Structure formats: C-alpha cells, structure tokens
Amino acid sequence: MSTTQLRNIGPKSAAWLRQVGLRTEEDLRAAGSVEAFMRVKRAGFRPSLNLLYALEGALQGCHWQEVSQARRQEMVAAVEAAAAALPPPRGRPAAAPVTTTNHGSDEGGHGPSFDFLDSPGRDDD
C-alpha cells in the first residue's frame, strides 16, 4: 500500500515521505515513525509534531489523536535526542540567546533618547 493511502497521511505528508524514500507502508514500518519524521526533518522540511503522531497513528491503524500520551512523550523524547545529534544547518551560524537592552528613555518616558554627536570627518562649521 502506498503512503498516500495510509490513514492520517495527507498529500503534503505523502509527498515529503516520497521525497525521503518512504513510498510504501512497508517502507514506513521498516523505518518507524520517529526515523521517518527525522528523515523528513533532515531533508529540510519543517514538519510539526502532528506529522510524528500521524505517522504513529498510521502504523497503529488509528486516528493520530488516539495515540496515547505516554507514546507521544516517548516519541518526542526520541526526536529531541535525534535532533540534538544533528549538525547545525549549513550556511547559518547556531543561534545564540536573544537579549533586550534598554538604552534609556526621554524625560516623558516615551521611548529612547538619542544624543547625536558630530561624526568624524564631518565639517558642519
């Protein structure tokens, strides 16, 4: 049976699976839901966890919302462990934490104040 005919698998998900070499139910069973999800992720797509649950539901023969909470937590932990082992994306540095710095405000408290200084090399005199 092709992945397009599996329960929970829509056209977009089926296309992602085909592009990572998972074309049949047997391919999906051999890989398992976590590995199939990680293949899609490693291919550069941005699947949500709903795809993970849909894949598991397809393998269990149930609706993705019927996958037990314990199994969901187990799969998410496995995905997080696998994702942590992935190298950072090429061409982009690893993200650093974002911080916000308040540079002061004007006397009325309406936003930042700026002191404009003469720029070097500027001749306004």
N, C-alpha and C. Protein backbone atom coordinates (compact mmCIF):
# COMPACT_ATOMS: atom_id res chain seq x y z
N MET A 1 0.85 -1.17 0.00
CA MET A 1 0.00 0.00 0.00
C MET A 1 0.90 1.24 0.00
N SER A 2 0.57 2.25 -0.82
CA SER A 2 1.38 3.46 -0.87
C SER A 2 1.05 4.34 0.34
N THR A 3 1.98 5.24 0.67
CA THR A 3 1.77 6.11 1.82
C THR A 3 0.60 7.06 1.61
N THR A 4 0.24 7.33 0.36
CA THR A 4 -0.91 8.21 0.10
C THR A 4 -2.22 7.57 0.53
N GLN A 5 -2.23 6.26 0.67
CA GLN A 5 -3.46 5.55 1.06
C GLN A 5 -3.52 5.26 2.55
N LEU A 6 -2.49 5.63 3.30
CA LEU A 6 -2.48 5.36 4.73
C LEU A 6 -3.33 6.36 5.49
N ARG A 7 -3.92 5.88 6.56
CA ARG A 7 -4.72 6.73 7.43
C ARG A 7 -3.84 7.84 8.00
N ASN A 8 -4.35 9.04 8.12
CA ASN A 8 -3.68 10.21 8.70
C ASN A 8 -2.69 10.89 7.77
N ILE A 9 -2.39 10.30 6.63
CA ILE A 9 -1.34 10.84 5.76
C ILE A 9 -2.01 11.59 4.60
N GLY A 10 -1.86 12.91 4.63
CA GLY A 10 -2.42 13.74 3.57
C GLY A 10 -1.45 13.88 2.41
N PRO A 11 -1.84 14.62 1.39
CA PRO A 11 -1.00 14.76 0.19
C PRO A 11 0.37 15.37 0.48
N LYS A 12 0.43 16.39 1.31
CA LYS A 12 1.71 17.04 1.61
C LYS A 12 2.63 16.09 2.36
N SER A 13 2.10 15.41 3.36
CA SER A 13 2.90 14.46 4.12
C SER A 13 3.37 13.31 3.24
N ALA A 14 2.49 12.83 2.37
CA ALA A 14 2.86 11.74 1.46
C ALA A 14 3.98 12.19 0.52
N ALA A 15 3.90 13.44 0.05
CA ALA A 15 4.95 13.96 -0.84
C ALA A 15 6.28 14.04 -0.10
N TRP A 16 6.27 14.51 1.15
CA TRP A 16 7.50 14.56 1.95
C TRP A 16 8.08 13.15 2.12
N LEU A 17 7.21 12.19 2.43
CA LEU A 17 7.67 10.81 2.63
C LEU A 17 8.28 10.25 1.35
N ARG A 18 7.62 10.49 0.22
CA ARG A 18 8.17 10.02 -1.06
C ARG A 18 9.55 10.61 -1.29
N GLN A 19 9.70 11.90 -0.99
CA GLN A 19 10.97 12.57 -1.25
C GLN A 19 12.11 12.08 -0.36
N VAL A 20 11.78 11.43 0.74
CA VAL A 20 12.83 10.86 1.59
C VAL A 20 12.91 9.34 1.44
N GLY A 21 12.27 8.82 0.39
CA GLY A 21 12.40 7.40 0.07
C GLY A 21 11.44 6.47 0.75
N LEU A 22 10.41 7.01 1.40
CA LEU A 22 9.41 6.17 2.07
C LEU A 22 8.13 6.21 1.24
N ARG A 23 7.99 5.21 0.37
CA ARG A 23 6.89 5.23 -0.60
C ARG A 23 5.75 4.27 -0.26
N THR A 24 6.02 3.29 0.58
CA THR A 24 5.01 2.29 0.89
C THR A 24 4.85 2.14 2.39
N GLU A 25 3.77 1.46 2.76
CA GLU A 25 3.55 1.15 4.18
C GLU A 25 4.71 0.32 4.72
N GLU A 26 5.22 -0.59 3.91
CA GLU A 26 6.35 -1.42 4.35
C GLU A 26 7.60 -0.57 4.61
N ASP A 27 7.84 0.43 3.74
CA ASP A 27 8.96 1.34 3.96
C ASP A 27 8.81 2.07 5.30
N LEU A 28 7.59 2.55 5.54
CA LEU A 28 7.31 3.28 6.77
C LEU A 28 7.47 2.38 7.99
N ARG A 29 6.96 1.14 7.91
CA ARG A 29 7.09 0.20 9.04
C ARG A 29 8.56 -0.11 9.32
N ALA A 30 9.35 -0.28 8.26
CA ALA A 30 10.76 -0.59 8.44
C ALA A 30 11.51 0.57 9.11
N ALA A 31 11.13 1.80 8.77
CA ALA A 31 11.80 2.97 9.35
C ALA A 31 11.27 3.28 10.75
N GLY A 32 9.97 3.13 10.93
CA GLY A 32 9.35 3.54 12.19
C GLY A 32 8.98 5.01 12.14
N SER A 33 8.08 5.40 13.01
CA SER A 33 7.57 6.77 12.96
C SER A 33 8.62 7.82 13.29
N VAL A 34 9.47 7.57 14.29
CA VAL A 34 10.47 8.55 14.68
C VAL A 34 11.51 8.72 13.58
N GLU A 35 12.02 7.63 13.02
CA GLU A 35 13.02 7.72 11.95
C GLU A 35 12.43 8.38 10.70
N ALA A 36 11.17 8.06 10.37
CA ALA A 36 10.53 8.68 9.21
C ALA A 36 10.41 10.18 9.43
N PHE A 37 9.99 10.60 10.63
CA PHE A 37 9.89 12.01 10.96
C PHE A 37 11.25 12.70 10.84
N MET A 38 12.30 12.05 11.36
CA MET A 38 13.63 12.64 11.32
C MET A 38 14.15 12.73 9.89
N ARG A 39 13.81 11.78 9.04
CA ARG A 39 14.22 11.86 7.62
C ARG A 39 13.60 13.08 6.96
N VAL A 40 12.34 13.33 7.25
CA VAL A 40 11.65 14.50 6.70
C VAL A 40 12.32 15.77 7.21
N LYS A 41 12.62 15.81 8.49
CA LYS A 41 13.25 16.97 9.10
C LYS A 41 14.65 17.19 8.52
N ARG A 42 15.43 16.13 8.40
CA ARG A 42 16.79 16.25 7.86
C ARG A 42 16.79 16.66 6.39
N ALA A 43 15.70 16.38 5.69
CA ALA A 43 15.59 16.76 4.28
C ALA A 43 15.34 18.26 4.12
N GLY A 44 15.13 18.96 5.23
CA GLY A 44 14.95 20.40 5.16
C GLY A 44 13.52 20.87 5.28
N PHE A 45 12.59 19.93 5.40
CA PHE A 45 11.20 20.31 5.58
C PHE A 45 11.01 20.69 7.05
N ARG A 46 9.92 21.34 7.36
CA ARG A 46 9.65 21.78 8.73
C ARG A 46 8.36 21.14 9.24
N PRO A 47 8.41 19.85 9.51
CA PRO A 47 7.19 19.18 9.97
C PRO A 47 6.88 19.54 11.42
N SER A 48 5.60 19.58 11.75
CA SER A 48 5.20 19.76 13.14
C SER A 48 5.12 18.39 13.79
N LEU A 49 4.95 18.39 15.09
CA LEU A 49 4.83 17.11 15.79
C LEU A 49 3.56 16.36 15.36
N ASN A 50 2.61 17.06 14.77
CA ASN A 50 1.41 16.36 14.27
C ASN A 50 1.78 15.31 13.23
N LEU A 51 2.82 15.57 12.44
CA LEU A 51 3.26 14.56 11.47
C LEU A 51 3.76 13.32 12.21
N LEU A 52 4.51 13.53 13.26
CA LEU A 52 5.01 12.40 14.05
C LEU A 52 3.85 11.55 14.57
N TYR A 53 2.84 12.22 15.14
CA TYR A 53 1.68 11.50 15.67
C TYR A 53 0.88 10.84 14.55
N ALA A 54 0.80 11.49 13.40
CA ALA A 54 0.08 10.92 12.25
C ALA A 54 0.77 9.66 11.76
N LEU A 55 2.12 9.71 11.71
CA LEU A 55 2.87 8.52 11.28
C LEU A 55 2.65 7.36 12.23
N GLU A 56 2.71 7.65 13.52
CA GLU A 56 2.48 6.59 14.52
C GLU A 56 1.07 6.05 14.43
N GLY A 57 0.09 6.96 14.26
CA GLY A 57 -1.29 6.51 14.10
C GLY A 57 -1.47 5.64 12.87
N ALA A 58 -0.78 6.00 11.77
CA ALA A 58 -0.85 5.19 10.56
C ALA A 58 -0.31 3.79 10.81
N LEU A 59 0.77 3.72 11.57
CA LEU A 59 1.35 2.40 11.86
C LEU A 59 0.49 1.59 12.82
N GLN A 60 -0.19 2.28 13.74
CA GLN A 60 -1.06 1.59 14.71
C GLN A 60 -2.47 1.35 14.16
N GLY A 61 -2.77 1.99 13.00
CA GLY A 61 -4.11 1.83 12.42
C GLY A 61 -5.18 2.61 13.17
N CYS A 62 -4.80 3.75 13.76
CA CYS A 62 -5.76 4.56 14.50
C CYS A 62 -5.62 6.02 14.10
N HIS A 63 -6.57 6.84 14.49
CA HIS A 63 -6.50 8.27 14.26
C HIS A 63 -5.34 8.82 15.08
N TRP A 64 -4.65 9.84 14.54
CA TRP A 64 -3.45 10.35 15.21
C TRP A 64 -3.74 10.88 16.60
N GLN A 65 -4.96 11.36 16.86
CA GLN A 65 -5.30 11.86 18.18
C GLN A 65 -5.51 10.75 19.20
N GLU A 66 -5.60 9.50 18.73
CA GLU A 66 -5.77 8.37 19.63
C GLU A 66 -4.44 7.78 20.10
N VAL A 67 -3.32 8.28 19.59
CA VAL A 67 -2.01 7.82 20.04
C VAL A 67 -1.87 8.25 21.50
N SER A 68 -1.54 7.31 22.37
CA SER A 68 -1.51 7.59 23.81
C SER A 68 -0.52 8.69 24.17
N GLN A 69 -0.82 9.39 25.24
CA GLN A 69 0.05 10.46 25.72
C GLN A 69 1.43 9.90 26.08
N ALA A 70 1.48 8.72 26.65
CA ALA A 70 2.77 8.12 27.01
C ALA A 70 3.60 7.85 25.76
N ARG A 71 2.96 7.34 24.72
CA ARG A 71 3.69 7.07 23.47
C ARG A 71 4.14 8.38 22.82
N ARG A 72 3.30 9.41 22.88
CA ARG A 72 3.68 10.71 22.33
C ARG A 72 4.93 11.24 23.03
N GLN A 73 4.94 11.18 24.35
CA GLN A 73 6.08 11.67 25.12
C GLN A 73 7.35 10.88 24.79
N GLU A 74 7.19 9.59 24.64
CA GLU A 74 8.32 8.72 24.28
C GLU A 74 8.88 9.10 22.91
N MET A 75 8.00 9.34 21.95
CA MET A 75 8.44 9.70 20.60
C MET A 75 9.08 11.09 20.58
N VAL A 76 8.50 12.04 21.30
CA VAL A 76 9.07 13.39 21.34
C VAL A 76 10.46 13.36 21.95
N ALA A 77 10.65 12.58 23.00
CA ALA A 77 11.98 12.45 23.61
C ALA A 77 12.97 11.86 22.61
N ALA A 78 12.54 10.88 21.85
CA ALA A 78 13.41 10.27 20.84
C ALA A 78 13.75 11.26 19.73
N VAL A 79 12.78 12.08 19.32
CA VAL A 79 13.02 13.09 18.29
C VAL A 79 13.99 14.15 18.82
N GLU A 80 13.81 14.58 20.06
CA GLU A 80 14.70 15.58 20.64
C GLU A 80 16.13 15.06 20.73
N ALA A 81 16.29 13.80 21.11
CA ALA A 81 17.62 13.20 21.19
C ALA A 81 18.25 13.12 19.80
N ALA A 82 17.46 12.73 18.81
CA ALA A 82 17.98 12.62 17.44
C ALA A 82 18.30 14.01 16.88
N ALA A 83 17.47 14.99 17.19
CA ALA A 83 17.70 16.35 16.69
C ALA A 83 18.94 16.96 17.32
N ALA A 84 19.21 16.65 18.57
CA ALA A 84 20.39 17.17 19.25
C ALA A 84 21.67 16.64 18.62
N ALA A 85 21.59 15.48 18.01
CA ALA A 85 22.75 14.87 17.36
C ALA A 85 22.99 15.41 15.96
N LEU A 86 22.03 16.18 15.43
CA LEU A 86 22.17 16.72 14.08
C LEU A 86 23.20 17.86 14.08
N PRO A 87 23.99 17.96 13.01
CA PRO A 87 24.90 19.10 12.90
C PRO A 87 24.09 20.37 12.65
N PRO A 88 24.65 21.55 12.99
CA PRO A 88 23.90 22.78 12.72
C PRO A 88 23.71 22.96 11.22
N PRO A 89 22.66 23.66 10.82
CA PRO A 89 22.40 23.88 9.39
C PRO A 89 23.57 24.59 8.71
N ARG A 90 23.85 24.20 7.48
CA ARG A 90 24.94 24.84 6.72
C ARG A 90 24.58 26.26 6.35
N GLY A 91 25.59 27.11 6.37
CA GLY A 91 25.38 28.47 5.93
C GLY A 91 24.77 29.39 6.97
N ARG A 92 24.38 28.86 8.10
CA ARG A 92 23.81 29.69 9.15
C ARG A 92 24.49 29.35 10.47
N PRO A 93 24.94 30.35 11.20
CA PRO A 93 25.54 30.06 12.50
C PRO A 93 24.48 29.58 13.48
N ALA A 94 24.92 28.86 14.48
CA ALA A 94 23.99 28.42 15.51
C ALA A 94 23.44 29.65 16.22
N ALA A 95 22.19 29.63 16.55
CA ALA A 95 21.55 30.79 17.17
C ALA A 95 22.02 30.95 18.60
N ALA A 96 22.21 32.17 19.00
CA ALA A 96 22.55 32.50 20.37
C ALA A 96 21.31 33.03 21.06
N PRO A 97 21.28 33.04 22.39
CA PRO A 97 20.12 33.59 23.08
C PRO A 97 19.93 35.07 22.72
N VAL A 98 18.71 35.48 22.64
CA VAL A 98 18.39 36.87 22.32
C VAL A 98 18.21 37.64 23.62
N THR A 99 18.86 38.80 23.72
CA THR A 99 18.68 39.65 24.89
C THR A 99 18.20 41.01 24.44
N THR A 100 17.47 41.69 25.30
CA THR A 100 16.99 43.02 25.02
C THR A 100 17.66 43.97 25.98
N THR A 101 18.17 45.06 25.46
CA THR A 101 18.83 46.05 26.29
C THR A 101 18.06 47.35 26.21
N ASN A 102 17.74 47.94 27.35
CA ASN A 102 17.06 49.21 27.40
C ASN A 102 18.13 50.29 27.46
N HIS A 103 18.12 51.19 26.49
CA HIS A 103 19.12 52.24 26.40
C HIS A 103 18.62 53.56 26.98
N GLY A 104 17.62 53.51 27.82
CA GLY A 104 17.12 54.73 28.43
C GLY A 104 15.91 55.24 27.71
N SER A 105 15.30 56.29 28.29
CA SER A 105 14.14 56.89 27.65
C SER A 105 14.19 58.39 27.87
N ASP A 106 13.37 59.10 27.10
CA ASP A 106 13.35 60.56 27.26
C ASP A 106 12.65 60.90 28.57
N GLU A 107 12.60 62.17 28.90
CA GLU A 107 12.06 62.58 30.18
C GLU A 107 10.60 62.21 30.35
N GLY A 108 9.86 62.15 29.27
CA GLY A 108 8.45 61.80 29.36
C GLY A 108 8.21 60.31 29.41
N GLY A 109 9.26 59.50 29.32
CA GLY A 109 9.10 58.05 29.36
C GLY A 109 8.50 57.49 28.09
N HIS A 110 8.67 58.19 26.96
CA HIS A 110 8.05 57.76 25.71
C HIS A 110 8.99 57.07 24.75
N GLY A 111 10.08 56.59 25.21
CA GLY A 111 10.97 55.89 24.29
C GLY A 111 12.40 56.31 24.48
N PRO A 112 13.26 55.81 23.64
CA PRO A 112 14.69 56.08 23.80
C PRO A 112 15.03 57.52 23.46
N SER A 113 16.06 58.01 24.12
CA SER A 113 16.57 59.32 23.76
C SER A 113 17.91 59.13 23.08
N PHE A 114 18.22 60.04 22.17
CA PHE A 114 19.45 59.91 21.41
C PHE A 114 20.23 61.21 21.50
N ASP A 115 21.49 61.10 21.71
CA ASP A 115 22.39 62.25 21.64
C ASP A 115 23.19 62.09 20.37
N PHE A 116 23.01 63.05 19.45
CA PHE A 116 23.72 62.98 18.19
C PHE A 116 25.02 63.75 18.31
N LEU A 117 26.10 63.10 18.06
CA LEU A 117 27.41 63.71 18.13
C LEU A 117 27.91 63.95 16.72
N ASP A 118 28.83 64.88 16.61
CA ASP A 118 29.44 65.09 15.30
C ASP A 118 30.18 63.85 14.88
N SER A 119 30.00 63.49 13.65
CA SER A 119 30.70 62.32 13.11
C SER A 119 32.11 62.73 12.73
N PRO A 120 33.10 61.87 12.89
CA PRO A 120 34.44 62.18 12.45
C PRO A 120 34.46 62.46 10.95
N GLY A 121 35.21 63.48 10.57
CA GLY A 121 35.32 63.79 9.16
C GLY A 121 34.19 64.65 8.64
N ARG A 122 33.26 65.00 9.50
CA ARG A 122 32.12 65.81 9.07
C ARG A 122 32.43 67.28 9.36
N ASP A 123 32.21 68.16 8.42
CA ASP A 123 32.57 69.56 8.58
C ASP A 123 31.30 70.40 8.46
N ASP A 124 30.63 70.62 9.62
CA ASP A 124 29.40 71.43 9.63
C ASP A 124 29.65 72.87 10.06
N ASP A 125 30.84 73.22 10.45
CA ASP A 125 31.12 74.56 10.97
C ASP A 125 31.13 75.57 9.89
